[in-house]
Amino acid sequence: MHVEQIVMSIITYSGNAKSDSVEAIQAAKAKNSNEARRLIAKAEEELLNAHHVQTSLIQNEARGNKTEITLLLVHAQDHLMNAITFKDLAKEFVELYESMNQ
């Protein structure tokens, strides 16, 4: 896989995870805990996919195949970090809404 494909995969998986996290909060707010938890699990799966792609970059570098650091690569890493943070916060919101709705 070329670096551009790797970068776009990280961005795509991260974007999907963030979208799932937003939808999870909305589902929890609408008192649909099962859907909220399903969406959090889906976000975690997307992040795992992004992590696997990211790991391929790390493994290539460990083998001596250095990747040029481009603005696009930095952008992809930024997306991934933000998606992870957003998913973590979404989990907290889902739990908060669940406790409020009991």
C-alpha atoms as a PDB file:
ATOM      1  CA  MET A   1       0.000   0.000   0.000  1.00  0.00           C
ATOM      2  CA  HIS A   2       1.356   3.438  -0.931  1.00  0.00           C
ATOM      3  CA  VAL A   3       1.737   6.141   1.702  1.00  0.00           C
ATOM      4  CA  GLU A   4      -1.135   8.139   0.203  1.00  0.00           C
ATOM      5  CA  GLN A   5      -3.430   5.108   0.501  1.00  0.00           C
ATOM      6  CA  ILE A   6      -2.300   4.533   4.072  1.00  0.00           C
ATOM      7  CA  VAL A   7      -2.942   8.164   4.964  1.00  0.00           C
ATOM      8  CA  MET A   8      -6.390   8.161   3.383  1.00  0.00           C
ATOM      9  CA  SER A   9      -7.250   4.896   5.168  1.00  0.00           C
ATOM     10  CA  ILE A  10      -6.328   6.409   8.534  1.00  0.00           C
ATOM     11  CA  ILE A  11      -8.408   9.502   7.775  1.00  0.00           C
ATOM     12  CA  THR A  12     -11.379   7.421   6.610  1.00  0.00           C
ATOM     13  CA  TYR A  13     -11.379   5.035   9.561  1.00  0.00           C
ATOM     14  CA  SER A  14     -10.907   7.931  11.978  1.00  0.00           C
ATOM     15  CA  GLY A  15     -13.720   9.929  10.398  1.00  0.00           C
ATOM     16  CA  ASN A  16     -16.028   6.926  10.587  1.00  0.00           C
ATOM     17  CA  ALA A  17     -15.164   6.448  14.260  1.00  0.00           C
ATOM     18  CA  LYS A  18     -15.865  10.073  15.073  1.00  0.00           C
ATOM     19  CA  SER A  19     -19.204   9.955  13.217  1.00  0.00           C
ATOM     20  CA  ASP A  20     -20.190   6.776  15.053  1.00  0.00           C
ATOM     21  CA  SER A  21     -19.280   8.451  18.345  1.00  0.00           C
ATOM     22  CA  VAL A  22     -21.439  11.494  17.580  1.00  0.00           C
ATOM     23  CA  GLU A  23     -24.332   9.204  16.665  1.00  0.00           C
ATOM     24  CA  ALA A  24     -23.801   7.246  19.898  1.00  0.00           C
ATOM     25  CA  ILE A  25     -24.239  10.414  21.940  1.00  0.00           C
ATOM     26  CA  GLN A  26     -27.377  11.279  19.987  1.00  0.00           C
ATOM     27  CA  ALA A  27     -28.778   7.777  20.524  1.00  0.00           C
ATOM     28  CA  ALA A  28     -28.075   7.934  24.249  1.00  0.00           C
ATOM     29  CA  LYS A  29     -29.716  11.343  24.426  1.00  0.00           C
ATOM     30  CA  ALA A  30     -32.776   9.813  22.733  1.00  0.00           C
ATOM     31  CA  LYS A  31     -32.781   7.115  25.457  1.00  0.00           C
ATOM     32  CA  ASN A  32     -31.649   4.372  23.069  1.00  0.00           C
ATOM     33  CA  SER A  33     -28.839   2.823  25.111  1.00  0.00           C
ATOM     34  CA  ASN A  34     -28.559  -0.333  23.023  1.00  0.00           C
ATOM     35  CA  GLU A  35     -27.981   1.660  19.845  1.00  0.00           C
ATOM     36  CA  ALA A  36     -25.555   3.976  21.642  1.00  0.00           C
ATOM     37  CA  ARG A  37     -23.473   1.048  22.858  1.00  0.00           C
ATOM     38  CA  ARG A  38     -23.569  -0.574  19.403  1.00  0.00           C
ATOM     39  CA  LEU A  39     -22.262   2.650  17.866  1.00  0.00           C
ATOM     40  CA  ILE A  40     -19.478   2.958  20.454  1.00  0.00           C
ATOM     41  CA  ALA A  41     -18.438  -0.613  19.625  1.00  0.00           C
ATOM     42  CA  LYS A  42     -18.501   0.260  15.924  1.00  0.00           C
ATOM     43  CA  ALA A  43     -16.343   3.340  16.584  1.00  0.00           C
ATOM     44  CA  GLU A  44     -13.863   1.179  18.493  1.00  0.00           C
ATOM     45  CA  GLU A  45     -13.702  -1.237  15.543  1.00  0.00           C
ATOM     46  CA  GLU A  46     -12.998   1.641  13.133  1.00  0.00           C
ATOM     47  CA  LEU A  47     -10.247   2.904  15.433  1.00  0.00           C
ATOM     48  CA  LEU A  48      -8.741  -0.565  15.592  1.00  0.00           C
ATOM     49  CA  ASN A  49      -8.659  -0.621  11.779  1.00  0.00           C
ATOM     50  CA  ALA A  50      -6.956   2.787  11.750  1.00  0.00           C
ATOM     51  CA  HIS A  51      -4.469   1.568  14.333  1.00  0.00           C
ATOM     52  CA  HIS A  52      -3.612  -1.473  12.196  1.00  0.00           C
ATOM     53  CA  VAL A  53      -2.908   0.789   9.231  1.00  0.00           C
ATOM     54  CA  GLN A  54      -0.823   3.107  11.403  1.00  0.00           C
ATOM     55  CA  THR A  55       1.091   0.110  12.734  1.00  0.00           C
ATOM     56  CA  SER A  56       2.075  -0.821   9.179  1.00  0.00           C
ATOM     57  CA  LEU A  57       3.871   2.538   8.921  1.00  0.00           C
ATOM     58  CA  ILE A  58       5.663   1.912  12.194  1.00  0.00           C
ATOM     59  CA  GLN A  59       6.682  -1.599  11.146  1.00  0.00           C
ATOM     60  CA  ASN A  60       8.001  -0.339   7.818  1.00  0.00           C
ATOM     61  CA  GLU A  61      10.101   2.261   9.592  1.00  0.00           C
ATOM     62  CA  ALA A  62      11.414  -0.370  12.019  1.00  0.00           C
ATOM     63  CA  ARG A  63      12.538  -2.354   8.969  1.00  0.00           C
ATOM     64  CA  GLY A  64      14.492   0.657   7.736  1.00  0.00           C
ATOM     65  CA  ASN A  65      11.918   1.889   5.201  1.00  0.00           C
ATOM     66  CA  LYS A  66      11.422   5.447   6.381  1.00  0.00           C
ATOM     67  CA  THR A  67       8.252   7.272   5.426  1.00  0.00           C
ATOM     68  CA  GLU A  68       8.486  10.922   4.434  1.00  0.00           C
ATOM     69  CA  ILE A  69       6.633  13.043   6.967  1.00  0.00           C
ATOM     70  CA  THR A  70       4.170  15.128   4.978  1.00  0.00           C
ATOM     71  CA  LEU A  71       1.461  17.527   6.027  1.00  0.00           C
ATOM     72  CA  LEU A  72      -1.081  14.924   4.882  1.00  0.00           C
ATOM     73  CA  LEU A  73       0.442  12.297   7.178  1.00  0.00           C
ATOM     74  CA  VAL A  74       0.401  14.728  10.097  1.00  0.00           C
ATOM     75  CA  HIS A  75      -3.225  15.527   9.237  1.00  0.00           C
ATOM     76  CA  ALA A  76      -4.095  11.813   9.324  1.00  0.00           C
ATOM     77  CA  GLN A  77      -2.450  11.390  12.722  1.00  0.00           C
ATOM     78  CA  ASP A  78      -4.365  14.422  13.975  1.00  0.00           C
ATOM     79  CA  HIS A  79      -7.632  12.897  12.776  1.00  0.00           C
ATOM     80  CA  LEU A  80      -6.822   9.641  14.534  1.00  0.00           C
ATOM     81  CA  MET A  81      -5.944  11.302  17.839  1.00  0.00           C
ATOM     82  CA  ASN A  82      -9.084  13.441  17.734  1.00  0.00           C
ATOM     83  CA  ALA A  83     -11.271  10.449  16.925  1.00  0.00           C
ATOM     84  CA  ILE A  84      -9.828   8.502  19.858  1.00  0.00           C
ATOM     85  CA  THR A  85     -10.452  11.412  22.202  1.00  0.00           C
ATOM     86  CA  PHE A  86     -13.961  11.937  20.853  1.00  0.00           C
ATOM     87  CA  LYS A  87     -14.808   8.243  21.257  1.00  0.00           C
ATOM     88  CA  ASP A  88     -13.579   8.291  24.849  1.00  0.00           C
ATOM     89  CA  LEU A  89     -15.725  11.317  25.611  1.00  0.00           C
ATOM     90  CA  ALA A  90     -18.705   9.765  23.818  1.00  0.00           C
ATOM     91  CA  LYS A  91     -18.442   6.722  26.098  1.00  0.00           C
ATOM     92  CA  GLU A  92     -18.627   9.039  29.084  1.00  0.00           C
ATOM     93  CA  PHE A  93     -21.653  10.848  27.631  1.00  0.00           C
ATOM     94  CA  VAL A  94     -23.427   7.551  26.934  1.00  0.00           C
ATOM     95  CA  GLU A  95     -22.848   6.429  30.524  1.00  0.00           C
ATOM     96  CA  LEU A  96     -24.020   9.800  31.815  1.00  0.00           C
ATOM     97  CA  TYR A  97     -27.223   9.696  29.762  1.00  0.00           C
ATOM     98  CA  GLU A  98     -27.853   6.123  30.881  1.00  0.00           C
ATOM     99  CA  SER A  99     -27.552   7.082  34.532  1.00  0.00           C
ATOM    100  CA  MET A 100     -29.809  10.098  34.030  1.00  0.00           C
ATOM    101  CA  ASN A 101     -32.438   7.982  32.242  1.00  0.00           C
ATOM    102  CA  GLN A 102     -32.731   5.358  34.976  1.00  0.00           C
END
